[in-house]
């Protein structure tokens, strides 16, 4: 259903912010904090 998490980052306000990304094989509802 979900892939292994991918560790990546995004650039915001001059800083790189780390984040984890999971990809779903089909649409699903999720809650994030």
PDB file of N, CA and C in Angstrom:
ATOM      1  N   UNK A   1       0.818  -1.192   0.000  1.00  0.00           N
ATOM      2  CA  UNK A   1       0.000   0.000   0.000  1.00  0.00           C
ATOM      3  C   UNK A   1       0.866   1.263   0.000  1.00  0.00           C
ATOM      4  N   UNK A   2       1.838   1.368   0.915  1.00  0.00           N
ATOM      5  CA  UNK A   2       2.744   2.512   0.941  1.00  0.00           C
ATOM      6  C   UNK A   2       4.166   2.054   0.638  1.00  0.00           C
ATOM      7  N   UNK A   3       4.912   2.915  -0.019  1.00  0.00           N
ATOM      8  CA  UNK A   3       6.313   2.616  -0.286  1.00  0.00           C
ATOM      9  C   UNK A   3       7.138   2.870   0.975  1.00  0.00           C
ATOM     10  N   UNK A   4       8.385   2.452   0.942  1.00  0.00           N
ATOM     11  CA  UNK A   4       9.303   2.811   2.019  1.00  0.00           C
ATOM     12  C   UNK A   4       9.472   4.331   2.001  1.00  0.00           C
ATOM     13  N   UNK A   5       9.646   4.958   3.160  1.00  0.00           N
ATOM     14  CA  UNK A   5       9.789   6.417   3.166  1.00  0.00           C
ATOM     15  C   UNK A   5      11.063   6.873   2.460  1.00  0.00           C
ATOM     16  N   UNK A   6      10.953   7.986   1.765  1.00  0.00           N
ATOM     17  CA  UNK A   6      12.078   8.600   1.074  1.00  0.00           C
ATOM     18  C   UNK A   6      12.496   9.830   1.874  1.00  0.00           C
ATOM     19  N   UNK A   7      13.754   9.906   2.284  1.00  0.00           N
ATOM     20  CA  UNK A   7      14.269  11.065   3.003  1.00  0.00           C
ATOM     21  C   UNK A   7      14.712  12.100   1.986  1.00  0.00           C
ATOM     22  N   UNK A   8      14.126  13.279   2.043  1.00  0.00           N
ATOM     23  CA  UNK A   8      14.454  14.364   1.125  1.00  0.00           C
ATOM     24  C   UNK A   8      14.402  15.666   1.897  1.00  0.00           C
ATOM     25  N   UNK A   9      14.431  16.787   1.210  1.00  0.00           N
ATOM     26  CA  UNK A   9      14.310  18.077   1.893  1.00  0.00           C
ATOM     27  C   UNK A   9      13.671  19.088   0.964  1.00  0.00           C
ATOM     28  N   UNK A  10      13.259  20.195   1.543  1.00  0.00           N
ATOM     29  CA  UNK A  10      12.739  21.307   0.757  1.00  0.00           C
ATOM     30  C   UNK A  10      13.453  22.564   1.223  1.00  0.00           C
ATOM     31  N   UNK A  11      13.569  23.520   0.330  1.00  0.00           N
ATOM     32  CA  UNK A  11      14.271  24.764   0.622  1.00  0.00           C
ATOM     33  C   UNK A  11      13.228  25.819   0.991  1.00  0.00           C
ATOM     34  N   UNK A  12      13.353  26.406   2.170  1.00  0.00           N
ATOM     35  CA  UNK A  12      12.396  27.415   2.629  1.00  0.00           C
ATOM     36  C   UNK A  12      13.120  28.450   3.476  1.00  0.00           C
ATOM     37  N   UNK A  13      12.934  29.715   3.152  1.00  0.00           N
ATOM     38  CA  UNK A  13      13.541  30.825   3.899  1.00  0.00           C
ATOM     39  C   UNK A  13      15.044  30.664   4.076  1.00  0.00           C
ATOM     40  N   UNK A  14      15.724  30.188   3.029  1.00  0.00           N
ATOM     41  CA  UNK A  14      17.170  30.057   3.078  1.00  0.00           C
ATOM     42  C   UNK A  14      17.678  28.837   3.813  1.00  0.00           C
ATOM     43  N   UNK A  15      16.775  27.941   4.219  1.00  0.00           N
ATOM     44  CA  UNK A  15      17.180  26.727   4.946  1.00  0.00           C
ATOM     45  C   UNK A  15      16.659  25.499   4.221  1.00  0.00           C
ATOM     46  N   UNK A  16      17.366  24.389   4.371  1.00  0.00           N
ATOM     47  CA  UNK A  16      16.893  23.103   3.868  1.00  0.00           C
ATOM     48  C   UNK A  16      16.175  22.399   5.011  1.00  0.00           C
ATOM     49  N   UNK A  17      14.915  22.066   4.812  1.00  0.00           N
ATOM     50  CA  UNK A  17      14.091  21.422   5.833  1.00  0.00           C
ATOM     51  C   UNK A  17      13.922  19.950   5.467  1.00  0.00           C
ATOM     52  N   UNK A  18      14.410  19.033   6.311  1.00  0.00           N
ATOM     53  CA  UNK A  18      14.286  17.606   5.987  1.00  0.00           C
ATOM     54  C   UNK A  18      12.842  17.129   6.113  1.00  0.00           C
ATOM     55  N   UNK A  19      12.477  16.158   5.286  1.00  0.00           N
ATOM     56  CA  UNK A  19      11.145  15.567   5.377  1.00  0.00           C
ATOM     57  C   UNK A  19      11.167  14.146   4.845  1.00  0.00           C
ATOM     58  N   UNK A  20      10.178  13.372   5.264  1.00  0.00           N
ATOM     59  CA  UNK A  20       9.992  12.006   4.782  1.00  0.00           C
ATOM     60  C   UNK A  20       8.776  11.978   3.871  1.00  0.00           C
ATOM     61  N   UNK A  21       8.871  11.225   2.770  1.00  0.00           N
ATOM     62  CA  UNK A  21       7.774  11.117   1.811  1.00  0.00           C
ATOM     63  C   UNK A  21       7.431   9.642   1.622  1.00  0.00           C
ATOM     64  N   UNK A  22       6.163   9.307   1.809  1.00  0.00           N
ATOM     65  CA  UNK A  22       5.643   7.983   1.491  1.00  0.00           C
ATOM     66  C   UNK A  22       4.735   8.131   0.283  1.00  0.00           C
ATOM     67  N   UNK A  23       4.799   7.216  -0.640  1.00  0.00           N
ATOM     68  CA  UNK A  23       3.923   7.237  -1.818  1.00  0.00           C
ATOM     69  C   UNK A  23       2.913   6.100  -1.694  1.00  0.00           C
ATOM     70  N   UNK A  24       1.673   6.412  -2.013  1.00  0.00           N
ATOM     71  CA  UNK A  24       0.598   5.420  -1.943  1.00  0.00           C
ATOM     72  C   UNK A  24       0.326   4.870  -3.338  1.00  0.00           C
ATOM     73  N   UNK A  25       0.008   3.594  -3.411  1.00  0.00           N
ATOM     74  CA  UNK A  25      -0.314   2.973  -4.681  1.00  0.00           C
ATOM     75  C   UNK A  25      -1.689   3.375  -5.196  1.00  0.00           C
ATOM     76  N   UNK A  26      -2.516   3.914  -4.307  1.00  0.00           N
ATOM     77  CA  UNK A  26      -3.854   4.366  -4.681  1.00  0.00           C
ATOM     78  C   UNK A  26      -4.213   5.546  -3.778  1.00  0.00           C
ATOM     79  N   UNK A  27      -5.228   6.317  -4.118  1.00  0.00           N
ATOM     80  CA  UNK A  27      -5.614   7.453  -3.263  1.00  0.00           C
ATOM     81  C   UNK A  27      -6.015   6.969  -1.859  1.00  0.00           C
ATOM     82  N   UNK A  28      -5.641   7.754  -0.847  1.00  0.00           N
ATOM     83  CA  UNK A  28      -6.052   7.435   0.523  1.00  0.00           C
ATOM     84  C   UNK A  28      -6.103   8.719   1.332  1.00  0.00           C
ATOM     85  N   UNK A  29      -6.829   8.683   2.415  1.00  0.00           N
ATOM     86  CA  UNK A  29      -6.889   9.835   3.321  1.00  0.00           C
ATOM     87  C   UNK A  29      -5.784   9.708   4.353  1.00  0.00           C
ATOM     88  N   UNK A  30      -5.216  10.849   4.678  1.00  0.00           N
ATOM     89  CA  UNK A  30      -4.119  10.845   5.647  1.00  0.00           C
ATOM     90  C   UNK A  30      -4.177  12.126   6.476  1.00  0.00           C
ATOM     91  N   UNK A  31      -3.609  12.046   7.648  1.00  0.00           N
ATOM     92  CA  UNK A  31      -3.474  13.193   8.531  1.00  0.00           C
ATOM     93  C   UNK A  31      -1.995  13.370   8.818  1.00  0.00           C
ATOM     94  N   UNK A  32      -1.542  14.596   8.785  1.00  0.00           N
ATOM     95  CA  UNK A  32      -0.125  14.867   9.013  1.00  0.00           C
ATOM     96  C   UNK A  32       0.027  15.980  10.042  1.00  0.00           C
ATOM     97  N   UNK A  33       1.124  15.913  10.787  1.00  0.00           N
ATOM     98  CA  UNK A  33       1.414  16.993  11.756  1.00  0.00           C
ATOM     99  C   UNK A  33       2.740  17.611  11.435  1.00  0.00           C
TER     100      UNK A  33
END
